[in-house]
């Protein structure tokens, strides 16, 4: 399956066609407009990260309900009220990076809440000019307030080979093989 960015993501129906597995039965036709809005949110995030971050990583804060966010991410746990500091310490590290998505599926659970699941690939150069590439699984939970979607929770993970206890930063581990000790 191919990766998609802000230029190649098109519609929710196209997302479904590009999944490597069947689409969920949880999609509700009456919430298709909200799912399209959530997709636009992700296109905006990709555009921000892929273009604006290099000049000013602070632009990324608009995608988060900063005072409400709880994350389980690459750096550990960030509790409610601590995200602003976490963002300012870690996100500039990814300022010269590109993000794209695979198996992105967006869900509206109501007119003002939703979530998305996907594989994300982040690649680029760190602040100290070291090249990196990470492929990870991510779930984002969003709320819509005053017409604006924002994340209130993110969960980022890498598969782990249980026998070696090592994370796979390419997310290529076969879960059936990784479980055998």
C-alpha atoms as a PDB file:
ATOM      1  CA  UNK A   1       0.000   0.000   0.000  1.00  0.00           C
ATOM      2  CA  UNK A   2       1.140   3.484  -0.821  1.00  0.00           C
ATOM      3  CA  UNK A   3       1.660   6.402   1.516  1.00  0.00           C
ATOM      4  CA  UNK A   4      -0.360   9.575   1.017  1.00  0.00           C
ATOM      5  CA  UNK A   5       0.294  13.201   1.947  1.00  0.00           C
ATOM      6  CA  UNK A   6      -1.701  16.424   1.857  1.00  0.00           C
ATOM      7  CA  UNK A   7      -1.496  16.492  -1.953  1.00  0.00           C
ATOM      8  CA  UNK A   8      -2.594  12.912  -2.596  1.00  0.00           C
ATOM      9  CA  UNK A   9      -5.251  12.458   0.087  1.00  0.00           C
ATOM     10  CA  UNK A  10      -8.539  13.201  -1.628  1.00  0.00           C
ATOM     11  CA  UNK A  11     -11.833  11.991  -0.155  1.00  0.00           C
ATOM     12  CA  UNK A  12     -12.992   9.705   2.621  1.00  0.00           C
ATOM     13  CA  UNK A  13     -14.249   7.239  -0.005  1.00  0.00           C
ATOM     14  CA  UNK A  14     -10.773   7.201  -1.579  1.00  0.00           C
ATOM     15  CA  UNK A  15      -9.292   6.484   1.851  1.00  0.00           C
ATOM     16  CA  UNK A  16     -11.526   3.430   2.065  1.00  0.00           C
ATOM     17  CA  UNK A  17     -10.369   2.221  -1.367  1.00  0.00           C
ATOM     18  CA  UNK A  18      -6.728   2.524  -0.314  1.00  0.00           C
ATOM     19  CA  UNK A  19      -6.978   0.616   2.974  1.00  0.00           C
ATOM     20  CA  UNK A  20      -5.031  -2.624   3.122  1.00  0.00           C
ATOM     21  CA  UNK A  21      -8.005  -4.142   4.974  1.00  0.00           C
ATOM     22  CA  UNK A  22     -11.799  -3.744   4.705  1.00  0.00           C
ATOM     23  CA  UNK A  23     -13.282  -0.450   5.862  1.00  0.00           C
ATOM     24  CA  UNK A  24     -15.033  -0.424   9.208  1.00  0.00           C
ATOM     25  CA  UNK A  25     -18.786  -0.894   9.471  1.00  0.00           C
ATOM     26  CA  UNK A  26     -18.784   1.944  12.045  1.00  0.00           C
ATOM     27  CA  UNK A  27     -19.011   4.682   9.395  1.00  0.00           C
ATOM     28  CA  UNK A  28     -22.371   6.457   9.481  1.00  0.00           C
ATOM     29  CA  UNK A  29     -23.594   8.087   6.253  1.00  0.00           C
ATOM     30  CA  UNK A  30     -25.115  10.963   8.238  1.00  0.00           C
ATOM     31  CA  UNK A  31     -21.605  11.828   9.551  1.00  0.00           C
ATOM     32  CA  UNK A  32     -19.805  11.756   6.189  1.00  0.00           C
ATOM     33  CA  UNK A  33     -19.506  15.584   6.222  1.00  0.00           C
ATOM     34  CA  UNK A  34     -17.710  15.416   9.590  1.00  0.00           C
ATOM     35  CA  UNK A  35     -15.444  12.632   8.350  1.00  0.00           C
ATOM     36  CA  UNK A  36     -14.507  14.816   5.375  1.00  0.00           C
ATOM     37  CA  UNK A  37     -13.758  17.648   7.822  1.00  0.00           C
ATOM     38  CA  UNK A  38     -11.508  15.341   9.842  1.00  0.00           C
ATOM     39  CA  UNK A  39      -9.739  14.319   6.636  1.00  0.00           C
ATOM     40  CA  UNK A  40      -9.213  18.035   5.853  1.00  0.00           C
ATOM     41  CA  UNK A  41      -7.760  18.399   9.352  1.00  0.00           C
ATOM     42  CA  UNK A  42      -5.181  15.683   8.583  1.00  0.00           C
ATOM     43  CA  UNK A  43      -4.369  17.269   5.233  1.00  0.00           C
ATOM     44  CA  UNK A  44      -3.806  20.535   7.093  1.00  0.00           C
ATOM     45  CA  UNK A  45      -1.565  18.827   9.642  1.00  0.00           C
ATOM     46  CA  UNK A  46       0.529  17.229   6.894  1.00  0.00           C
ATOM     47  CA  UNK A  47       0.811  20.540   5.070  1.00  0.00           C
ATOM     48  CA  UNK A  48       1.849  22.297   8.273  1.00  0.00           C
ATOM     49  CA  UNK A  49       4.456  19.707   9.174  1.00  0.00           C
ATOM     50  CA  UNK A  50       5.732  19.340   5.611  1.00  0.00           C
ATOM     51  CA  UNK A  51       5.985  23.078   4.891  1.00  0.00           C
ATOM     52  CA  UNK A  52       5.528  25.464   7.821  1.00  0.00           C
ATOM     53  CA  UNK A  53       7.396  23.599  10.565  1.00  0.00           C
ATOM     54  CA  UNK A  54      10.807  24.342   9.078  1.00  0.00           C
ATOM     55  CA  UNK A  55      10.234  28.063   9.617  1.00  0.00           C
ATOM     56  CA  UNK A  56       8.139  27.921  12.794  1.00  0.00           C
ATOM     57  CA  UNK A  57       7.156  24.717  14.592  1.00  0.00           C
ATOM     58  CA  UNK A  58       4.811  26.749  16.812  1.00  0.00           C
ATOM     59  CA  UNK A  59       2.309  26.729  13.918  1.00  0.00           C
ATOM     60  CA  UNK A  60       1.579  23.108  14.807  1.00  0.00           C
ATOM     61  CA  UNK A  61       0.006  24.014  18.136  1.00  0.00           C
ATOM     62  CA  UNK A  62      -3.213  25.083  16.406  1.00  0.00           C
ATOM     63  CA  UNK A  63      -3.968  21.401  15.737  1.00  0.00           C
ATOM     64  CA  UNK A  64      -4.074  20.580  19.441  1.00  0.00           C
ATOM     65  CA  UNK A  65      -6.422  21.584  22.223  1.00  0.00           C
ATOM     66  CA  UNK A  66      -3.212  22.285  24.135  1.00  0.00           C
ATOM     67  CA  UNK A  67      -4.633  22.507  27.668  1.00  0.00           C
ATOM     68  CA  UNK A  68      -6.653  19.282  27.256  1.00  0.00           C
ATOM     69  CA  UNK A  69      -4.285  16.971  25.367  1.00  0.00           C
ATOM     70  CA  UNK A  70      -3.129  13.682  26.852  1.00  0.00           C
ATOM     71  CA  UNK A  71      -0.558  11.734  24.833  1.00  0.00           C
ATOM     72  CA  UNK A  72       1.092   8.359  24.816  1.00  0.00           C
ATOM     73  CA  UNK A  73       3.756   9.014  22.223  1.00  0.00           C
ATOM     74  CA  UNK A  74       7.314   8.295  21.184  1.00  0.00           C
ATOM     75  CA  UNK A  75       8.616  10.018  24.323  1.00  0.00           C
ATOM     76  CA  UNK A  76       6.270   8.481  26.871  1.00  0.00           C
ATOM     77  CA  UNK A  77       3.221   9.838  28.683  1.00  0.00           C
ATOM     78  CA  UNK A  78       2.228  13.493  28.745  1.00  0.00           C
ATOM     79  CA  UNK A  79      -0.650  14.291  31.073  1.00  0.00           C
ATOM     80  CA  UNK A  80      -3.286  16.956  30.744  1.00  0.00           C
ATOM     81  CA  UNK A  81      -1.834  20.396  31.326  1.00  0.00           C
ATOM     82  CA  UNK A  82       1.729  19.415  30.351  1.00  0.00           C
ATOM     83  CA  UNK A  83       1.409  19.268  26.566  1.00  0.00           C
ATOM     84  CA  UNK A  84       2.544  22.838  25.834  1.00  0.00           C
ATOM     85  CA  UNK A  85       5.936  22.170  27.423  1.00  0.00           C
ATOM     86  CA  UNK A  86       6.166  18.744  25.749  1.00  0.00           C
ATOM     87  CA  UNK A  87       5.373  20.275  22.358  1.00  0.00           C
ATOM     88  CA  UNK A  88       7.956  23.034  22.772  1.00  0.00           C
ATOM     89  CA  UNK A  89      10.669  20.561  23.814  1.00  0.00           C
ATOM     90  CA  UNK A  90      10.099  17.841  21.227  1.00  0.00           C
ATOM     91  CA  UNK A  91       8.321  19.119  18.113  1.00  0.00           C
ATOM     92  CA  UNK A  92      11.107  21.450  16.920  1.00  0.00           C
ATOM     93  CA  UNK A  93      13.247  18.307  16.595  1.00  0.00           C
ATOM     94  CA  UNK A  94      11.020  17.304  13.659  1.00  0.00           C
ATOM     95  CA  UNK A  95      11.060  20.715  11.960  1.00  0.00           C
ATOM     96  CA  UNK A  96      12.867  19.413   8.876  1.00  0.00           C
ATOM     97  CA  UNK A  97      10.703  16.356   8.325  1.00  0.00           C
ATOM     98  CA  UNK A  98       8.037  15.065   5.985  1.00  0.00           C
ATOM     99  CA  UNK A  99       4.994  13.121   7.140  1.00  0.00           C
ATOM    100  CA  UNK A 100       2.709  10.872   5.162  1.00  0.00           C
ATOM    101  CA  UNK A 101       0.039   8.320   5.965  1.00  0.00           C
ATOM    102  CA  UNK A 102      -0.920   4.754   5.121  1.00  0.00           C
ATOM    103  CA  UNK A 103      -4.183   3.059   6.030  1.00  0.00           C
ATOM    104  CA  UNK A 104      -5.644   6.357   7.257  1.00  0.00           C
ATOM    105  CA  UNK A 105      -9.235   5.798   8.306  1.00  0.00           C
ATOM    106  CA  UNK A 106     -11.171   8.681   9.842  1.00  0.00           C
ATOM    107  CA  UNK A 107     -14.283   8.238  11.943  1.00  0.00           C
ATOM    108  CA  UNK A 108     -16.837  10.767  13.116  1.00  0.00           C
ATOM    109  CA  UNK A 109     -18.568   9.522  16.244  1.00  0.00           C
ATOM    110  CA  UNK A 110     -20.800  12.607  16.413  1.00  0.00           C
ATOM    111  CA  UNK A 111     -20.924  16.080  14.872  1.00  0.00           C
ATOM    112  CA  UNK A 112     -18.245  17.187  17.376  1.00  0.00           C
ATOM    113  CA  UNK A 113     -16.077  14.148  18.069  1.00  0.00           C
ATOM    114  CA  UNK A 114     -14.108  11.647  16.081  1.00  0.00           C
ATOM    115  CA  UNK A 115     -10.910   9.695  15.754  1.00  0.00           C
ATOM    116  CA  UNK A 116      -8.495   8.381  13.161  1.00  0.00           C
ATOM    117  CA  UNK A 117      -6.222   5.378  12.917  1.00  0.00           C
ATOM    118  CA  UNK A 118      -3.241   5.037  10.594  1.00  0.00           C
ATOM    119  CA  UNK A 119       0.365   4.226   9.989  1.00  0.00           C
ATOM    120  CA  UNK A 120       2.459   7.397   9.826  1.00  0.00           C
ATOM    121  CA  UNK A 121       5.883   7.751   8.296  1.00  0.00           C
ATOM    122  CA  UNK A 122       8.076  10.607   9.467  1.00  0.00           C
ATOM    123  CA  UNK A 123      11.410  11.146   7.769  1.00  0.00           C
ATOM    124  CA  UNK A 124      13.875  13.962   7.523  1.00  0.00           C
ATOM    125  CA  UNK A 125      16.812  15.475   9.369  1.00  0.00           C
ATOM    126  CA  UNK A 126      16.939  16.303  13.047  1.00  0.00           C
ATOM    127  CA  UNK A 127      18.051  19.665  14.432  1.00  0.00           C
ATOM    128  CA  UNK A 128      21.565  18.247  14.641  1.00  0.00           C
ATOM    129  CA  UNK A 129      21.382  17.203  10.935  1.00  0.00           C
ATOM    130  CA  UNK A 130      21.051  13.465  11.590  1.00  0.00           C
ATOM    131  CA  UNK A 131      18.787  11.712   9.068  1.00  0.00           C
ATOM    132  CA  UNK A 132      15.908   9.703  10.489  1.00  0.00           C
ATOM    133  CA  UNK A 133      12.911   7.677   9.375  1.00  0.00           C
ATOM    134  CA  UNK A 134      10.235   6.314  11.663  1.00  0.00           C
ATOM    135  CA  UNK A 135       7.134   4.369  10.760  1.00  0.00           C
ATOM    136  CA  UNK A 136       4.661   4.070  13.608  1.00  0.00           C
ATOM    137  CA  UNK A 137       1.056   3.379  14.419  1.00  0.00           C
ATOM    138  CA  UNK A 138      -1.075   6.243  15.645  1.00  0.00           C
ATOM    139  CA  UNK A 139      -4.587   6.866  16.873  1.00  0.00           C
ATOM    140  CA  UNK A 140      -5.788  10.427  17.279  1.00  0.00           C
ATOM    141  CA  UNK A 141      -8.950  11.524  19.076  1.00  0.00           C
ATOM    142  CA  UNK A 142     -10.427  14.864  18.085  1.00  0.00           C
ATOM    143  CA  UNK A 143     -13.123  17.247  19.226  1.00  0.00           C
ATOM    144  CA  UNK A 144     -14.747  20.059  17.315  1.00  0.00           C
ATOM    145  CA  UNK A 145     -15.363  23.336  19.075  1.00  0.00           C
ATOM    146  CA  UNK A 146     -16.513  26.548  17.381  1.00  0.00           C
ATOM    147  CA  UNK A 147     -16.153  24.811  13.997  1.00  0.00           C
ATOM    148  CA  UNK A 148     -12.513  23.812  14.591  1.00  0.00           C
ATOM    149  CA  UNK A 149     -11.247  20.237  14.955  1.00  0.00           C
ATOM    150  CA  UNK A 150      -8.355  19.670  17.373  1.00  0.00           C
ATOM    151  CA  UNK A 151      -6.635  16.685  18.915  1.00  0.00           C
ATOM    152  CA  UNK A 152      -7.323  15.941  22.566  1.00  0.00           C
ATOM    153  CA  UNK A 153      -5.497  12.620  22.624  1.00  0.00           C
ATOM    154  CA  UNK A 154      -2.834  10.841  20.608  1.00  0.00           C
ATOM    155  CA  UNK A 155      -1.483   7.355  21.057  1.00  0.00           C
ATOM    156  CA  UNK A 156       1.683   6.502  19.123  1.00  0.00           C
ATOM    157  CA  UNK A 157       3.254   3.058  19.186  1.00  0.00           C
ATOM    158  CA  UNK A 158       5.800   0.805  17.580  1.00  0.00           C
ATOM    159  CA  UNK A 159       5.437  -2.954  17.453  1.00  0.00           C
ATOM    160  CA  UNK A 160       7.799  -4.784  19.774  1.00  0.00           C
ATOM    161  CA  UNK A 161       9.425  -8.129  19.198  1.00  0.00           C
ATOM    162  CA  UNK A 162       8.539  -9.837  22.469  1.00  0.00           C
ATOM    163  CA  UNK A 163      11.448 -12.296  22.204  1.00  0.00           C
ATOM    164  CA  UNK A 164      14.090  -9.571  21.891  1.00  0.00           C
ATOM    165  CA  UNK A 165      12.118  -6.833  23.677  1.00  0.00           C
ATOM    166  CA  UNK A 166      13.159  -4.423  20.913  1.00  0.00           C
ATOM    167  CA  UNK A 167      10.897  -1.914  19.196  1.00  0.00           C
ATOM    168  CA  UNK A 168      10.683  -1.984  15.423  1.00  0.00           C
ATOM    169  CA  UNK A 169      10.931   1.579  14.123  1.00  0.00           C
ATOM    170  CA  UNK A 170       9.760   0.449  10.679  1.00  0.00           C
ATOM    171  CA  UNK A 171       6.528  -1.114  12.005  1.00  0.00           C
ATOM    172  CA  UNK A 172       7.188  -4.197   9.903  1.00  0.00           C
ATOM    173  CA  UNK A 173       7.023  -6.856  12.629  1.00  0.00           C
ATOM    174  CA  UNK A 174       4.478  -9.575  11.975  1.00  0.00           C
ATOM    175  CA  UNK A 175       2.443  -9.725  15.210  1.00  0.00           C
ATOM    176  CA  UNK A 176       2.132 -13.514  15.010  1.00  0.00           C
ATOM    177  CA  UNK A 177       5.923 -13.904  14.837  1.00  0.00           C
ATOM    178  CA  UNK A 178       6.698 -11.191  17.405  1.00  0.00           C
ATOM    179  CA  UNK A 179       4.689 -12.894  20.122  1.00  0.00           C
ATOM    180  CA  UNK A 180       6.756 -16.064  20.224  1.00  0.00           C
ATOM    181  CA  UNK A 181       9.343 -15.965  22.995  1.00  0.00           C
END
